[in-house]
């Protein structure tokens, strides 16, 4: 009887360790990074992007959130630039990465707020914190 109990306990411990490792790998704890000094300017602006928040909008298009995933133990945020003519451009950014979007400017992904592992509709999720340096002549119209 003791051997059976020990075997069951060993199986439970291995399953728990395996699930914990999978959870640690697929839900990275790093969800925010500081703004790199080389990017900071007086003209830059911080913004949050989420489907429930009005998008960042200019005369040429709007910046919206899209899916989020973890890959190789880091978060990857997907932003969508929708032009006025209906064409879309997809940008995949890791935390701290920067992309230049024509007719908007330079966008740096600073933070992610993924959906909770166990859905709770009070917690939200899929929110991005970005830093935007607008191109010359571009204005936010919201």
N, C-alpha and C. Protein backbone atom coordinates (compact mmCIF):
# COMPACT_ATOMS: atom_id res chain seq x y z
N UNK A 1 0.82 -1.19 0.00
CA UNK A 1 0.00 0.00 0.00
C UNK A 1 0.88 1.27 0.00
N UNK A 2 1.97 1.18 0.74
CA UNK A 2 2.87 2.33 0.82
C UNK A 2 3.50 2.64 -0.54
N UNK A 3 3.83 1.61 -1.32
CA UNK A 3 4.41 1.80 -2.64
C UNK A 3 3.40 2.47 -3.59
N UNK A 4 2.16 2.09 -3.49
CA UNK A 4 1.11 2.68 -4.33
C UNK A 4 0.97 4.17 -3.99
N UNK A 5 0.94 4.48 -2.71
CA UNK A 5 0.82 5.87 -2.27
C UNK A 5 2.02 6.69 -2.74
N UNK A 6 3.21 6.14 -2.60
CA UNK A 6 4.42 6.83 -3.03
C UNK A 6 4.41 7.05 -4.54
N UNK A 7 3.99 6.05 -5.30
CA UNK A 7 3.89 6.16 -6.75
C UNK A 7 2.89 7.24 -7.17
N UNK A 8 1.72 7.26 -6.51
CA UNK A 8 0.71 8.28 -6.82
C UNK A 8 1.22 9.67 -6.48
N UNK A 9 1.88 9.80 -5.35
CA UNK A 9 2.43 11.09 -4.94
C UNK A 9 3.48 11.56 -5.94
N UNK A 10 4.32 10.65 -6.42
CA UNK A 10 5.33 10.99 -7.40
C UNK A 10 4.69 11.45 -8.71
N UNK A 11 3.65 10.78 -9.16
CA UNK A 11 2.95 11.18 -10.39
C UNK A 11 2.33 12.57 -10.23
N UNK A 12 1.71 12.84 -9.10
CA UNK A 12 1.10 14.15 -8.85
C UNK A 12 2.18 15.24 -8.83
N UNK A 13 3.30 14.99 -8.17
CA UNK A 13 4.38 15.97 -8.12
C UNK A 13 4.96 16.25 -9.50
N UNK A 14 5.16 15.22 -10.31
CA UNK A 14 5.69 15.41 -11.66
C UNK A 14 4.69 16.18 -12.54
N UNK A 15 3.42 15.86 -12.42
CA UNK A 15 2.40 16.57 -13.20
C UNK A 15 2.33 18.04 -12.78
N UNK A 16 2.42 18.30 -11.49
CA UNK A 16 2.39 19.69 -11.00
C UNK A 16 3.62 20.45 -11.48
N UNK A 17 4.78 19.82 -11.43
CA UNK A 17 6.01 20.46 -11.89
C UNK A 17 5.93 20.72 -13.41
N UNK A 18 5.41 19.80 -14.15
CA UNK A 18 5.27 19.97 -15.60
C UNK A 18 4.30 21.10 -15.94
N UNK A 19 3.17 21.14 -15.25
CA UNK A 19 2.20 22.21 -15.48
C UNK A 19 2.77 23.56 -15.06
N UNK A 20 3.46 23.60 -13.95
CA UNK A 20 4.08 24.85 -13.49
C UNK A 20 5.13 25.35 -14.47
N UNK A 21 5.93 24.46 -15.02
CA UNK A 21 6.93 24.84 -16.01
C UNK A 21 6.29 25.36 -17.28
N UNK A 22 5.23 24.68 -17.73
CA UNK A 22 4.51 25.15 -18.92
C UNK A 22 3.91 26.52 -18.67
N UNK A 23 3.31 26.72 -17.52
CA UNK A 23 2.69 27.99 -17.17
C UNK A 23 3.74 29.10 -17.11
N UNK A 24 4.88 28.82 -16.49
CA UNK A 24 5.96 29.80 -16.39
C UNK A 24 6.47 30.18 -17.78
N UNK A 25 6.59 29.21 -18.69
CA UNK A 25 7.12 29.47 -20.02
C UNK A 25 6.13 30.22 -20.90
N UNK A 26 4.84 29.92 -20.79
CA UNK A 26 3.85 30.52 -21.68
C UNK A 26 3.22 31.80 -21.13
N UNK A 27 3.41 32.11 -19.88
CA UNK A 27 2.87 33.33 -19.27
C UNK A 27 3.99 34.11 -18.60
N UNK A 28 4.90 34.71 -19.38
CA UNK A 28 6.06 35.40 -18.80
C UNK A 28 5.66 36.47 -17.80
N UNK A 29 6.45 36.63 -16.76
CA UNK A 29 6.16 37.61 -15.72
C UNK A 29 6.52 39.03 -16.15
N UNK A 30 7.48 39.19 -17.05
CA UNK A 30 7.87 40.53 -17.51
C UNK A 30 6.78 41.05 -18.44
N UNK A 31 6.08 42.08 -17.97
CA UNK A 31 4.97 42.64 -18.74
C UNK A 31 5.14 44.12 -19.03
N UNK A 32 6.23 44.71 -18.55
CA UNK A 32 6.47 46.12 -18.80
C UNK A 32 7.97 46.38 -18.79
N UNK A 33 8.40 47.28 -19.67
CA UNK A 33 9.81 47.66 -19.74
C UNK A 33 9.88 49.19 -19.72
N UNK A 34 11.01 49.74 -19.26
CA UNK A 34 11.15 51.20 -19.28
C UNK A 34 11.41 51.69 -20.70
N UNK A 35 11.12 52.95 -20.92
CA UNK A 35 11.38 53.57 -22.21
C UNK A 35 12.89 53.73 -22.40
N UNK A 36 13.44 53.20 -23.49
CA UNK A 36 14.87 53.39 -23.74
C UNK A 36 15.22 54.87 -23.88
N UNK A 37 16.33 55.29 -23.30
CA UNK A 37 16.73 56.71 -23.32
C UNK A 37 16.87 57.26 -24.73
N UNK A 38 17.32 56.44 -25.66
CA UNK A 38 17.55 56.93 -27.02
C UNK A 38 16.26 57.28 -27.74
N UNK A 39 15.13 56.85 -27.22
CA UNK A 39 13.84 57.09 -27.87
C UNK A 39 13.09 58.27 -27.26
N UNK A 40 13.34 58.55 -26.00
CA UNK A 40 12.59 59.60 -25.29
C UNK A 40 12.81 60.97 -25.93
N UNK A 41 11.71 61.66 -26.19
CA UNK A 41 11.76 63.03 -26.69
C UNK A 41 10.66 63.84 -26.01
N UNK A 42 10.75 65.15 -26.13
CA UNK A 42 9.73 66.02 -25.56
C UNK A 42 8.41 65.91 -26.31
N UNK A 43 8.47 65.51 -27.58
CA UNK A 43 7.27 65.44 -28.41
C UNK A 43 6.54 64.10 -28.29
N UNK A 44 7.14 63.14 -27.61
CA UNK A 44 6.53 61.81 -27.51
C UNK A 44 5.32 61.80 -26.60
N UNK A 45 4.46 60.79 -26.82
CA UNK A 45 3.29 60.65 -25.96
C UNK A 45 3.08 59.19 -25.61
N UNK A 46 2.62 58.97 -24.39
CA UNK A 46 2.27 57.63 -23.93
C UNK A 46 0.80 57.40 -24.23
N UNK A 47 0.46 56.18 -24.60
CA UNK A 47 -0.93 55.86 -24.90
C UNK A 47 -1.20 54.41 -24.53
N UNK A 48 -2.45 54.13 -24.22
CA UNK A 48 -2.89 52.75 -24.02
C UNK A 48 -3.78 52.39 -25.19
N UNK A 49 -3.61 51.18 -25.69
CA UNK A 49 -4.38 50.73 -26.83
C UNK A 49 -5.12 49.46 -26.43
N UNK A 50 -6.42 49.48 -26.64
CA UNK A 50 -7.29 48.37 -26.29
C UNK A 50 -8.56 48.51 -27.12
N UNK A 51 -9.25 47.42 -27.33
CA UNK A 51 -10.47 47.48 -28.14
C UNK A 51 -11.56 48.34 -27.50
N UNK A 52 -11.52 48.50 -26.17
CA UNK A 52 -12.55 49.30 -25.49
C UNK A 52 -12.15 50.77 -25.34
N UNK A 53 -10.94 51.12 -25.77
CA UNK A 53 -10.44 52.49 -25.72
C UNK A 53 -10.44 53.02 -27.15
N UNK A 54 -10.89 54.25 -27.39
CA UNK A 54 -10.82 54.78 -28.75
C UNK A 54 -9.39 54.69 -29.29
N UNK A 55 -9.23 54.28 -30.56
CA UNK A 55 -7.88 54.10 -31.10
C UNK A 55 -7.16 55.43 -31.29
N UNK A 56 -5.84 55.35 -31.41
CA UNK A 56 -5.03 56.51 -31.77
C UNK A 56 -5.36 56.78 -33.24
N UNK A 57 -5.83 57.98 -33.52
CA UNK A 57 -6.30 58.26 -34.87
C UNK A 57 -5.67 59.54 -35.42
N UNK A 58 -5.29 59.48 -36.69
CA UNK A 58 -4.76 60.64 -37.40
C UNK A 58 -5.59 60.83 -38.67
N UNK A 59 -5.24 61.82 -39.46
CA UNK A 59 -5.94 62.04 -40.73
C UNK A 59 -5.77 60.86 -41.69
N UNK A 60 -4.70 60.10 -41.53
CA UNK A 60 -4.39 59.01 -42.46
C UNK A 60 -4.83 57.63 -42.00
N UNK A 61 -5.13 57.45 -40.71
CA UNK A 61 -5.53 56.13 -40.25
C UNK A 61 -5.65 56.06 -38.74
N UNK A 62 -5.76 54.82 -38.24
CA UNK A 62 -5.89 54.61 -36.80
C UNK A 62 -5.08 53.39 -36.37
N UNK A 63 -4.54 53.48 -35.15
CA UNK A 63 -3.74 52.41 -34.57
C UNK A 63 -4.61 51.64 -33.59
N UNK A 64 -4.72 50.33 -33.79
CA UNK A 64 -5.57 49.48 -32.97
C UNK A 64 -4.78 48.30 -32.41
N UNK A 65 -5.32 47.73 -31.35
CA UNK A 65 -4.72 46.52 -30.80
C UNK A 65 -5.20 45.32 -31.60
N UNK A 66 -4.40 44.28 -31.57
CA UNK A 66 -4.76 43.01 -32.18
C UNK A 66 -4.38 41.93 -31.19
N UNK A 67 -4.10 40.75 -31.66
CA UNK A 67 -3.83 39.63 -30.75
C UNK A 67 -2.51 39.81 -30.00
N UNK A 68 -2.35 39.04 -28.96
CA UNK A 68 -1.13 39.04 -28.14
C UNK A 68 -0.78 37.58 -27.89
N UNK A 69 0.51 37.32 -27.87
CA UNK A 69 0.93 35.94 -27.59
C UNK A 69 2.29 35.95 -26.90
N UNK A 70 2.64 34.81 -26.33
CA UNK A 70 3.99 34.67 -25.79
C UNK A 70 4.74 33.71 -26.70
N UNK A 71 6.01 34.03 -26.89
CA UNK A 71 6.86 33.21 -27.74
C UNK A 71 8.26 33.25 -27.15
N UNK A 72 8.85 32.08 -26.95
CA UNK A 72 10.19 31.98 -26.36
C UNK A 72 10.29 32.76 -25.05
N UNK A 73 9.30 32.64 -24.23
CA UNK A 73 9.25 33.24 -22.90
C UNK A 73 9.30 34.77 -22.91
N UNK A 74 8.65 35.38 -23.91
CA UNK A 74 8.49 36.82 -23.94
C UNK A 74 7.19 37.16 -24.66
N UNK A 75 6.60 38.28 -24.27
CA UNK A 75 5.34 38.71 -24.85
C UNK A 75 5.57 39.39 -26.19
N UNK A 76 4.67 39.11 -27.13
CA UNK A 76 4.68 39.76 -28.43
C UNK A 76 3.31 40.39 -28.63
N UNK A 77 3.32 41.71 -28.81
CA UNK A 77 2.07 42.43 -29.05
C UNK A 77 1.91 42.69 -30.53
N UNK A 78 0.68 42.59 -31.00
CA UNK A 78 0.39 42.82 -32.40
C UNK A 78 -0.48 44.07 -32.51
N UNK A 79 0.05 45.06 -33.23
CA UNK A 79 -0.67 46.30 -33.46
C UNK A 79 -1.08 46.36 -34.93
N UNK A 80 -2.23 46.97 -35.17
CA UNK A 80 -2.76 47.07 -36.53
C UNK A 80 -2.93 48.54 -36.90
N UNK A 81 -2.32 48.96 -38.02
CA UNK A 81 -2.48 50.31 -38.55
C UNK A 81 -3.48 50.21 -39.70
N UNK A 82 -4.65 50.81 -39.51
CA UNK A 82 -5.72 50.75 -40.52
C UNK A 82 -5.77 52.11 -41.21
N UNK A 83 -5.44 52.12 -42.49
CA UNK A 83 -5.45 53.36 -43.26
C UNK A 83 -6.89 53.74 -43.64
N UNK A 84 -7.07 54.98 -43.99
CA UNK A 84 -8.40 55.48 -44.38
C UNK A 84 -8.97 54.74 -45.58
N UNK A 85 -8.11 54.24 -46.47
CA UNK A 85 -8.60 53.51 -47.64
C UNK A 85 -8.96 52.06 -47.31
N UNK A 86 -8.80 51.67 -46.04
CA UNK A 86 -9.19 50.32 -45.61
C UNK A 86 -8.05 49.32 -45.57
N UNK A 87 -6.88 49.65 -46.11
CA UNK A 87 -5.76 48.71 -46.05
C UNK A 87 -5.21 48.65 -44.63
N UNK A 88 -4.70 47.50 -44.28
CA UNK A 88 -4.18 47.28 -42.93
C UNK A 88 -2.72 46.87 -43.00
N UNK A 89 -1.97 47.31 -42.00
CA UNK A 89 -0.58 46.91 -41.84
C UNK A 89 -0.44 46.34 -40.43
N UNK A 90 0.16 45.18 -40.31
CA UNK A 90 0.31 44.50 -39.03
C UNK A 90 1.75 44.65 -38.55
N UNK A 91 1.91 45.00 -37.26
CA UNK A 91 3.23 45.14 -36.65
C UNK A 91 3.29 44.25 -35.42
N UNK A 92 4.26 43.34 -35.39
CA UNK A 92 4.49 42.48 -34.23
C UNK A 92 5.70 43.03 -33.49
N UNK A 93 5.50 43.38 -32.22
CA UNK A 93 6.57 43.98 -31.42
C UNK A 93 6.76 43.22 -30.12
N UNK A 94 8.01 42.99 -29.76
CA UNK A 94 8.33 42.48 -28.44
C UNK A 94 8.44 43.68 -27.51
N UNK A 95 8.40 43.44 -26.23
CA UNK A 95 8.52 44.53 -25.27
C UNK A 95 9.82 45.29 -25.50
N UNK A 96 9.73 46.61 -25.62
CA UNK A 96 10.91 47.44 -25.85
C UNK A 96 11.25 47.65 -27.30
N UNK A 97 10.61 46.92 -28.22
CA UNK A 97 10.91 47.08 -29.64
C UNK A 97 10.16 48.28 -30.22
N UNK A 98 10.73 48.82 -31.28
CA UNK A 98 10.19 50.00 -31.94
C UNK A 98 9.93 49.69 -33.41
N UNK A 99 8.86 50.28 -33.93
CA UNK A 99 8.55 50.18 -35.37
C UNK A 99 8.14 51.54 -35.88
N UNK A 100 8.51 51.84 -37.12
CA UNK A 100 8.07 53.10 -37.73
C UNK A 100 6.85 52.81 -38.59
N UNK A 101 5.80 53.57 -38.36
CA UNK A 101 4.56 53.43 -39.13
C UNK A 101 4.40 54.69 -39.96
N UNK A 102 4.38 54.52 -41.28
CA UNK A 102 4.21 55.67 -42.17
C UNK A 102 2.90 56.38 -41.86
N UNK A 103 2.92 57.68 -41.87
CA UNK A 103 1.76 58.54 -41.61
C UNK A 103 1.36 58.56 -40.14
N UNK A 104 2.17 57.97 -39.28
CA UNK A 104 1.95 58.06 -37.83
C UNK A 104 3.25 58.48 -37.15
N UNK A 105 4.19 57.57 -37.10
CA UNK A 105 5.47 57.86 -36.46
C UNK A 105 6.11 56.60 -35.93
N UNK A 106 6.95 56.78 -34.92
CA UNK A 106 7.67 55.68 -34.30
C UNK A 106 6.90 55.21 -33.07
N UNK A 107 6.61 53.92 -33.02
CA UNK A 107 5.83 53.34 -31.93
C UNK A 107 6.71 52.33 -31.19
N UNK A 108 6.77 52.46 -29.88
CA UNK A 108 7.54 51.55 -29.03
C UNK A 108 6.59 50.85 -28.08
N UNK A 109 6.65 49.52 -28.03
CA UNK A 109 5.80 48.75 -27.11
C UNK A 109 6.47 48.71 -25.74
N UNK A 110 5.78 49.27 -24.75
CA UNK A 110 6.34 49.35 -23.40
C UNK A 110 5.69 48.40 -22.40
N UNK A 111 4.45 48.02 -22.65
CA UNK A 111 3.78 47.17 -21.68
C UNK A 111 2.64 46.39 -22.30
N UNK A 112 2.35 45.25 -21.69
CA UNK A 112 1.22 44.42 -22.10
C UNK A 112 0.42 44.04 -20.86
N UNK A 113 -0.85 43.84 -21.06
CA UNK A 113 -1.73 43.35 -20.00
C UNK A 113 -2.55 42.22 -20.61
N UNK A 114 -2.02 40.99 -20.61
CA UNK A 114 -2.73 39.90 -21.26
C UNK A 114 -3.98 39.50 -20.49
N UNK A 115 -4.87 38.82 -21.22
CA UNK A 115 -6.07 38.31 -20.56
C UNK A 115 -5.64 37.33 -19.48
N UNK A 116 -6.42 37.26 -18.39
CA UNK A 116 -6.08 36.31 -17.33
C UNK A 116 -6.19 34.87 -17.83
N UNK A 117 -5.43 34.00 -17.21
CA UNK A 117 -5.45 32.59 -17.57
C UNK A 117 -6.84 31.99 -17.37
N UNK A 118 -7.45 32.33 -16.25
CA UNK A 118 -8.82 31.93 -15.97
C UNK A 118 -9.69 33.16 -16.24
N UNK A 119 -10.55 33.11 -17.27
CA UNK A 119 -11.31 34.30 -17.66
C UNK A 119 -12.12 34.89 -16.50
N UNK A 120 -11.94 36.16 -16.31
CA UNK A 120 -12.71 36.93 -15.34
C UNK A 120 -13.04 38.24 -16.03
N UNK A 121 -14.28 38.45 -16.35
CA UNK A 121 -14.67 39.59 -17.18
C UNK A 121 -14.50 40.93 -16.49
N UNK A 122 -14.11 40.94 -15.24
CA UNK A 122 -13.83 42.19 -14.53
C UNK A 122 -12.38 42.63 -14.69
N UNK A 123 -11.51 41.73 -15.15
CA UNK A 123 -10.07 42.02 -15.22
C UNK A 123 -9.61 42.60 -16.54
N UNK A 124 -10.40 42.51 -17.59
CA UNK A 124 -9.97 43.04 -18.89
C UNK A 124 -8.87 42.22 -19.50
N UNK A 125 -7.96 42.87 -20.19
CA UNK A 125 -6.85 42.17 -20.82
C UNK A 125 -6.60 42.68 -22.22
N UNK A 126 -5.55 42.19 -22.83
CA UNK A 126 -5.12 42.53 -24.18
C UNK A 126 -4.86 44.02 -24.34
N UNK A 127 -4.41 44.69 -23.31
CA UNK A 127 -4.12 46.11 -23.38
C UNK A 127 -2.62 46.31 -23.62
N UNK A 128 -2.30 47.31 -24.45
CA UNK A 128 -0.92 47.65 -24.73
C UNK A 128 -0.62 49.05 -24.22
N UNK A 129 0.58 49.24 -23.71
CA UNK A 129 1.08 50.58 -23.37
C UNK A 129 2.17 50.87 -24.38
N UNK A 130 2.01 51.98 -25.11
CA UNK A 130 2.97 52.33 -26.16
C UNK A 130 3.46 53.76 -25.97
N UNK A 131 4.57 54.04 -26.60
CA UNK A 131 5.13 55.39 -26.64
C UNK A 131 5.23 55.75 -28.12
N UNK A 132 4.67 56.89 -28.49
CA UNK A 132 4.61 57.29 -29.89
C UNK A 132 5.32 58.63 -30.09
N UNK A 133 6.22 58.67 -31.04
CA UNK A 133 6.83 59.92 -31.48
C UNK A 133 6.27 60.17 -32.88
N UNK A 134 5.42 61.16 -33.00
CA UNK A 134 4.74 61.43 -34.25
C UNK A 134 5.69 61.95 -35.33
N UNK A 135 5.41 61.58 -36.57
CA UNK A 135 6.15 62.14 -37.69
C UNK A 135 5.84 63.63 -37.80
N UNK A 136 6.75 64.41 -38.38
CA UNK A 136 6.47 65.85 -38.56
C UNK A 136 5.18 66.07 -39.35
N UNK A 137 4.35 66.96 -38.87
CA UNK A 137 3.10 67.29 -39.53
C UNK A 137 1.93 66.41 -39.18
N UNK A 138 2.16 65.35 -38.41
CA UNK A 138 1.07 64.44 -38.03
C UNK A 138 0.49 64.87 -36.70
N UNK A 139 -0.83 64.88 -36.61
CA UNK A 139 -1.51 65.24 -35.36
C UNK A 139 -2.53 64.17 -35.01
N UNK A 140 -2.67 63.92 -33.74
CA UNK A 140 -3.69 62.99 -33.23
C UNK A 140 -5.04 63.73 -33.26
N UNK A 141 -6.06 63.07 -33.84
CA UNK A 141 -7.38 63.71 -33.89
C UNK A 141 -8.40 63.04 -32.99
N UNK A 142 -8.14 61.82 -32.60
CA UNK A 142 -9.06 61.03 -31.77
C UNK A 142 -10.45 61.27 -32.16
